Amino acid sequence: MLRHAAGRRWLLLAALLCLSDCSTDSLIASSLRRAIREELAGALSEHGCDLRPPEFVACSGRCYLPLVTAVTHEQATAHCAQLGARLAVPRTLKENLCAAGLAGHRSVWLGITDLAVKGEFVDQDGRSVAEVLGNVWSEGQPDNYQNREDCVEIWPTNTFPNVRFAEWNDRDCSAKAIPMCQLDL
């Protein structure tokens, strides 16, 4: 048993070293690193360890941090990256409700755009988000208003009378909203 535990520790250490030193030039390497991080986080969580930085809030199996200053989508992406995180991409209804709850009554950027293919909203890795969540769009959205809305926000319920809690809107990427960072452990 002791030998097995020591072997697992070395394996975890090797994986952590790889996470900090492995190349992330390709989408495959990036996805592999994320998968390794998630597996490590799950294994450590089973043993009472928590990799979440204290400023991030654990909610529905993810770690979120809404930042304070409203910025463009590009700036929001950079601010989250500086924290070792990325813009949030809710994959379940519960994750979406967590992100919206942490946003309060502020508009927050998500890591979802249709910049690559108009009308096809994907995350930073190019994965579609439509099939996973179902309909989280506000009524009449996405509408690509003035043919300039390519980024996705969770908008506040006080925006229009028909907007419900945690609904999405497509928005001009140069508009300003709060970054909702998501930590991929």
C-alpha atoms as a PDB file:
ATOM      1  CA  MET A   1       0.000   0.000   0.000  1.00  0.00           C
ATOM      2  CA  LEU A   2       2.786   2.437   0.894  1.00  0.00           C
ATOM      3  CA  ARG A   3       4.592   1.707  -2.378  1.00  0.00           C
ATOM      4  CA  HIS A   4       1.352   2.318  -4.303  1.00  0.00           C
ATOM      5  CA  ALA A   5       0.779   5.680  -2.551  1.00  0.00           C
ATOM      6  CA  ALA A   6       4.372   6.753  -3.214  1.00  0.00           C
ATOM      7  CA  GLY A   7       3.995   5.765  -6.868  1.00  0.00           C
ATOM      8  CA  ARG A   8       0.832   7.849  -7.170  1.00  0.00           C
ATOM      9  CA  ARG A   9       2.605  10.839  -5.638  1.00  0.00           C
ATOM     10  CA  TRP A  10       5.411  10.575  -8.216  1.00  0.00           C
ATOM     11  CA  LEU A  11       2.872  10.210 -11.006  1.00  0.00           C
ATOM     12  CA  LEU A  12       1.008  13.306  -9.779  1.00  0.00           C
ATOM     13  CA  LEU A  13       4.264  15.236  -9.504  1.00  0.00           C
ATOM     14  CA  ALA A  14       5.255  14.237 -13.051  1.00  0.00           C
ATOM     15  CA  ALA A  15       1.832  15.292 -14.354  1.00  0.00           C
ATOM     16  CA  LEU A  16       2.069  18.644 -12.565  1.00  0.00           C
ATOM     17  CA  LEU A  17       5.523  19.252 -14.019  1.00  0.00           C
ATOM     18  CA  CYS A  18       4.202  18.425 -17.470  1.00  0.00           C
ATOM     19  CA  LEU A  19       1.317  20.847 -16.982  1.00  0.00           C
ATOM     20  CA  SER A  20       3.725  23.650 -16.281  1.00  0.00           C
ATOM     21  CA  ASP A  21       6.290  22.776 -18.983  1.00  0.00           C
ATOM     22  CA  CYS A  22       4.456  21.015 -21.842  1.00  0.00           C
ATOM     23  CA  SER A  23       3.953  22.921 -25.062  1.00  0.00           C
ATOM     24  CA  THR A  24       0.462  24.290 -25.701  1.00  0.00           C
ATOM     25  CA  ASP A  25       0.966  25.206 -29.320  1.00  0.00           C
ATOM     26  CA  SER A  26      -1.858  23.020 -30.571  1.00  0.00           C
ATOM     27  CA  LEU A  27      -5.512  22.610 -29.728  1.00  0.00           C
ATOM     28  CA  ILE A  28      -4.851  18.938 -28.937  1.00  0.00           C
ATOM     29  CA  ALA A  29      -2.116  19.808 -26.421  1.00  0.00           C
ATOM     30  CA  SER A  30      -4.374  22.415 -24.828  1.00  0.00           C
ATOM     31  CA  SER A  31      -7.268  19.935 -24.533  1.00  0.00           C
ATOM     32  CA  LEU A  32      -4.936  17.269 -23.164  1.00  0.00           C
ATOM     33  CA  ARG A  33      -3.583  19.651 -20.521  1.00  0.00           C
ATOM     34  CA  ARG A  34      -7.127  20.584 -19.488  1.00  0.00           C
ATOM     35  CA  ALA A  35      -8.138  16.896 -19.260  1.00  0.00           C
ATOM     36  CA  ILE A  36      -5.080  16.120 -17.121  1.00  0.00           C
ATOM     37  CA  ARG A  37      -5.846  19.072 -14.845  1.00  0.00           C
ATOM     38  CA  GLU A  38      -9.457  17.955 -14.417  1.00  0.00           C
ATOM     39  CA  GLU A  39      -8.377  14.380 -13.612  1.00  0.00           C
ATOM     40  CA  LEU A  40      -5.811  15.635 -11.102  1.00  0.00           C
ATOM     41  CA  ALA A  41      -8.311  17.968  -9.496  1.00  0.00           C
ATOM     42  CA  GLY A  42     -10.806  15.118  -9.165  1.00  0.00           C
ATOM     43  CA  ALA A  43      -8.201  12.762  -7.686  1.00  0.00           C
ATOM     44  CA  LEU A  44      -6.986  15.372  -5.227  1.00  0.00           C
ATOM     45  CA  SER A  45     -10.535  16.362  -4.306  1.00  0.00           C
ATOM     46  CA  GLU A  46     -11.278  12.730  -3.385  1.00  0.00           C
ATOM     47  CA  HIS A  47      -8.487  12.988  -0.816  1.00  0.00           C
ATOM     48  CA  GLY A  48      -9.585  16.321   0.646  1.00  0.00           C
ATOM     49  CA  CYS A  49      -7.255  18.540  -1.367  1.00  0.00           C
ATOM     50  CA  ASP A  50      -8.459  21.670  -3.138  1.00  0.00           C
ATOM     51  CA  LEU A  51      -6.540  23.323  -5.972  1.00  0.00           C
ATOM     52  CA  ARG A  52      -8.921  26.291  -6.144  1.00  0.00           C
ATOM     53  CA  PRO A  53      -7.318  29.660  -5.414  1.00  0.00           C
ATOM     54  CA  PRO A  54      -9.145  31.376  -2.541  1.00  0.00           C
ATOM     55  CA  GLU A  55     -10.560  34.224  -4.654  1.00  0.00           C
ATOM     56  CA  PHE A  56     -12.399  31.796  -6.982  1.00  0.00           C
ATOM     57  CA  VAL A  57     -15.823  30.514  -5.945  1.00  0.00           C
ATOM     58  CA  ALA A  58     -16.597  26.818  -6.325  1.00  0.00           C
ATOM     59  CA  CYS A  59     -20.053  26.337  -7.814  1.00  0.00           C
ATOM     60  CA  SER A  60     -21.565  23.325  -9.601  1.00  0.00           C
ATOM     61  CA  GLY A  61     -18.189  21.633 -10.080  1.00  0.00           C
ATOM     62  CA  ARG A  62     -16.488  24.715 -11.563  1.00  0.00           C
ATOM     63  CA  CYS A  63     -14.528  27.599 -10.092  1.00  0.00           C
ATOM     64  CA  TYR A  64     -15.668  31.103 -11.098  1.00  0.00           C
ATOM     65  CA  LEU A  65     -14.433  34.612 -10.466  1.00  0.00           C
ATOM     66  CA  PRO A  66     -16.295  37.681 -11.704  1.00  0.00           C
ATOM     67  CA  LEU A  67     -13.843  40.531 -12.116  1.00  0.00           C
ATOM     68  CA  VAL A  68     -14.732  44.102 -11.188  1.00  0.00           C
ATOM     69  CA  THR A  69     -13.989  46.294 -14.196  1.00  0.00           C
ATOM     70  CA  ALA A  70     -16.044  46.210 -17.399  1.00  0.00           C
ATOM     71  CA  VAL A  71     -13.822  45.668 -20.455  1.00  0.00           C
ATOM     72  CA  THR A  72     -14.079  44.527 -24.083  1.00  0.00           C
ATOM     73  CA  HIS A  73     -14.341  40.817 -24.838  1.00  0.00           C
ATOM     74  CA  GLU A  74     -10.712  40.690 -25.990  1.00  0.00           C
ATOM     75  CA  GLN A  75      -9.540  42.431 -22.805  1.00  0.00           C
ATOM     76  CA  ALA A  76     -11.730  40.116 -20.711  1.00  0.00           C
ATOM     77  CA  THR A  77     -10.064  37.093 -22.303  1.00  0.00           C
ATOM     78  CA  ALA A  78      -6.620  38.541 -21.510  1.00  0.00           C
ATOM     79  CA  HIS A  79      -7.538  39.429 -17.896  1.00  0.00           C
ATOM     80  CA  CYS A  80      -8.746  35.877 -17.216  1.00  0.00           C
ATOM     81  CA  ALA A  81      -5.625  34.426 -18.873  1.00  0.00           C
ATOM     82  CA  GLN A  82      -3.447  36.489 -16.501  1.00  0.00           C
ATOM     83  CA  LEU A  83      -5.132  34.607 -13.648  1.00  0.00           C
ATOM     84  CA  GLY A  84      -4.471  31.233 -15.271  1.00  0.00           C
ATOM     85  CA  ALA A  85      -8.160  31.024 -16.185  1.00  0.00           C
ATOM     86  CA  ARG A  86     -10.386  31.581 -19.198  1.00  0.00           C
ATOM     87  CA  LEU A  87     -13.725  33.225 -19.816  1.00  0.00           C
ATOM     88  CA  ALA A  88     -16.484  31.022 -18.445  1.00  0.00           C
ATOM     89  CA  VAL A  89     -18.221  28.528 -20.709  1.00  0.00           C
ATOM     90  CA  PRO A  90     -21.202  27.047 -18.885  1.00  0.00           C
ATOM     91  CA  ARG A  91     -21.799  23.480 -20.079  1.00  0.00           C
ATOM     92  CA  THR A  92     -24.837  22.715 -17.922  1.00  0.00           C
ATOM     93  CA  LEU A  93     -27.851  24.653 -16.744  1.00  0.00           C
ATOM     94  CA  LYS A  94     -26.473  24.549 -13.179  1.00  0.00           C
ATOM     95  CA  GLU A  95     -23.142  26.031 -14.302  1.00  0.00           C
ATOM     96  CA  ASN A  96     -24.991  28.765 -16.183  1.00  0.00           C
ATOM     97  CA  LEU A  97     -27.071  29.584 -13.089  1.00  0.00           C
ATOM     98  CA  CYS A  98     -23.897  29.713 -10.964  1.00  0.00           C
ATOM     99  CA  ALA A  99     -22.185  32.119 -13.355  1.00  0.00           C
ATOM    100  CA  ALA A 100     -25.304  34.309 -13.541  1.00  0.00           C
ATOM    101  CA  GLY A 101     -25.708  34.280  -9.767  1.00  0.00           C
ATOM    102  CA  LEU A 102     -22.124  35.389  -9.235  1.00  0.00           C
ATOM    103  CA  ALA A 103     -22.627  38.124 -11.829  1.00  0.00           C
ATOM    104  CA  GLY A 104     -25.417  39.646  -9.780  1.00  0.00           C
ATOM    105  CA  HIS A 105     -27.163  42.277 -11.856  1.00  0.00           C
ATOM    106  CA  ARG A 106     -24.173  42.963 -14.092  1.00  0.00           C
ATOM    107  CA  SER A 107     -23.547  41.987 -17.682  1.00  0.00           C
ATOM    108  CA  VAL A 108     -20.716  39.415 -17.906  1.00  0.00           C
ATOM    109  CA  TRP A 109     -18.702  38.122 -20.844  1.00  0.00           C
ATOM    110  CA  LEU A 110     -18.660  34.397 -21.559  1.00  0.00           C
ATOM    111  CA  GLY A 111     -15.981  32.606 -23.583  1.00  0.00           C
ATOM    112  CA  ILE A 112     -18.364  32.008 -26.474  1.00  0.00           C
ATOM    113  CA  THR A 113     -18.360  33.680 -29.905  1.00  0.00           C
ATOM    114  CA  ASP A 114     -19.455  33.165 -33.495  1.00  0.00           C
ATOM    115  CA  LEU A 115     -16.375  34.899 -34.897  1.00  0.00           C
ATOM    116  CA  ALA A 116     -15.246  31.858 -36.903  1.00  0.00           C
ATOM    117  CA  VAL A 117     -18.608  31.011 -38.505  1.00  0.00           C
ATOM    118  CA  LYS A 118     -21.533  33.442 -38.326  1.00  0.00           C
ATOM    119  CA  GLY A 119     -24.381  31.969 -36.301  1.00  0.00           C
ATOM    120  CA  GLU A 120     -22.324  29.059 -34.932  1.00  0.00           C
ATOM    121  CA  PHE A 121     -21.507  29.876 -31.306  1.00  0.00           C
ATOM    122  CA  VAL A 122     -18.494  27.969 -29.996  1.00  0.00           C
ATOM    123  CA  ASP A 123     -16.127  28.096 -27.032  1.00  0.00           C
ATOM    124  CA  GLN A 124     -12.410  28.977 -27.201  1.00  0.00           C
ATOM    125  CA  ASP A 125     -11.581  25.421 -28.330  1.00  0.00           C
ATOM    126  CA  GLY A 126     -14.093  25.518 -31.180  1.00  0.00           C
ATOM    127  CA  ARG A 127     -16.643  23.241 -29.461  1.00  0.00           C
ATOM    128  CA  SER A 128     -20.307  24.042 -29.973  1.00  0.00           C
ATOM    129  CA  VAL A 129     -22.261  25.078 -26.898  1.00  0.00           C
ATOM    130  CA  ALA A 130     -25.768  24.892 -28.374  1.00  0.00           C
ATOM    131  CA  GLU A 131     -26.427  21.182 -27.880  1.00  0.00           C
ATOM    132  CA  VAL A 132     -25.249  21.047 -24.284  1.00  0.00           C
ATOM    133  CA  LEU A 133     -27.384  23.697 -22.654  1.00  0.00           C
ATOM    134  CA  GLY A 134     -30.505  23.826 -24.760  1.00  0.00           C
ATOM    135  CA  ASN A 135     -32.092  27.237 -25.119  1.00  0.00           C
ATOM    136  CA  VAL A 136     -30.432  29.753 -22.787  1.00  0.00           C
ATOM    137  CA  TRP A 137     -30.842  32.634 -25.218  1.00  0.00           C
ATOM    138  CA  SER A 138     -33.129  35.490 -24.287  1.00  0.00           C
ATOM    139  CA  GLU A 139     -36.226  35.919 -26.459  1.00  0.00           C
ATOM    140  CA  GLY A 140     -35.224  37.112 -29.929  1.00  0.00           C
ATOM    141  CA  GLN A 141     -31.535  36.339 -29.380  1.00  0.00           C
ATOM    142  CA  PRO A 142     -29.070  35.896 -30.915  1.00  0.00           C
ATOM    143  CA  ASP A 143     -30.035  38.656 -33.318  1.00  0.00           C
ATOM    144  CA  ASN A 144     -26.655  39.911 -34.599  1.00  0.00           C
ATOM    145  CA  TYR A 145     -27.910  43.497 -34.284  1.00  0.00           C
ATOM    146  CA  GLN A 146     -26.454  45.707 -37.037  1.00  0.00           C
ATOM    147  CA  ASN A 147     -24.413  42.682 -38.151  1.00  0.00           C
ATOM    148  CA  ARG A 148     -21.876  43.399 -35.370  1.00  0.00           C
ATOM    149  CA  GLU A 149     -22.665  41.019 -32.496  1.00  0.00           C
ATOM    150  CA  ASP A 150     -20.263  38.096 -32.264  1.00  0.00           C
ATOM    151  CA  CYS A 151     -19.617  37.686 -28.525  1.00  0.00           C
ATOM    152  CA  VAL A 152     -21.889  36.268 -25.825  1.00  0.00           C
ATOM    153  CA  GLU A 153     -22.861  37.772 -22.504  1.00  0.00           C
ATOM    154  CA  ILE A 154     -25.164  36.840 -19.673  1.00  0.00           C
ATOM    155  CA  TRP A 155     -27.140  40.011 -19.419  1.00  0.00           C
ATOM    156  CA  PRO A 156     -28.786  41.450 -16.334  1.00  0.00           C
ATOM    157  CA  THR A 157     -32.495  40.841 -15.807  1.00  0.00           C
ATOM    158  CA  ASN A 158     -33.139  44.588 -15.600  1.00  0.00           C
ATOM    159  CA  THR A 159     -32.045  45.144 -19.239  1.00  0.00           C
ATOM    160  CA  PHE A 160     -35.525  44.698 -20.765  1.00  0.00           C
ATOM    161  CA  PRO A 161     -38.857  43.636 -19.251  1.00  0.00           C
ATOM    162  CA  ASN A 162     -38.815  40.204 -20.967  1.00  0.00           C
ATOM    163  CA  VAL A 163     -35.249  39.222 -19.923  1.00  0.00           C
ATOM    164  CA  ARG A 164     -35.173  36.360 -17.425  1.00  0.00           C
ATOM    165  CA  PHE A 165     -32.374  35.421 -15.038  1.00  0.00           C
ATOM    166  CA  ALA A 166     -29.274  33.796 -16.629  1.00  0.00           C
ATOM    167  CA  GLU A 167     -30.266  34.386 -20.250  1.00  0.00           C
ATOM    168  CA  TRP A 168     -27.724  35.013 -22.992  1.00  0.00           C
ATOM    169  CA  ASN A 169     -27.402  37.805 -25.518  1.00  0.00           C
ATOM    170  CA  ASP A 170     -25.073  38.247 -28.470  1.00  0.00           C
ATOM    171  CA  ARG A 171     -23.250  41.559 -28.259  1.00  0.00           C
ATOM    172  CA  ASP A 172     -20.667  43.675 -30.036  1.00  0.00           C
ATOM    173  CA  CYS A 173     -17.274  42.386 -28.847  1.00  0.00           C
ATOM    174  CA  SER A 174     -16.011  45.964 -28.429  1.00  0.00           C
ATOM    175  CA  ALA A 175     -18.752  46.745 -25.878  1.00  0.00           C
ATOM    176  CA  LYS A 176     -17.816  46.526 -22.212  1.00  0.00           C
ATOM    177  CA  ALA A 177     -18.916  43.908 -19.697  1.00  0.00           C
ATOM    178  CA  ILE A 178     -17.459  42.216 -16.614  1.00  0.00           C
ATOM    179  CA  PRO A 179     -15.199  39.203 -17.313  1.00  0.00           C
ATOM    180  CA  MET A 180     -16.539  35.987 -15.732  1.00  0.00           C
ATOM    181  CA  CYS A 181     -13.414  33.875 -15.350  1.00  0.00           C
ATOM    182  CA  GLN A 182     -13.536  30.105 -15.055  1.00  0.00           C
ATOM    183  CA  LEU A 183     -10.654  28.150 -13.649  1.00  0.00           C
ATOM    184  CA  ASP A 184      -9.869  24.888 -15.388  1.00  0.00           C
ATOM    185  CA  LEU A 185      -8.063  22.950 -12.689  1.00  0.00           C
END
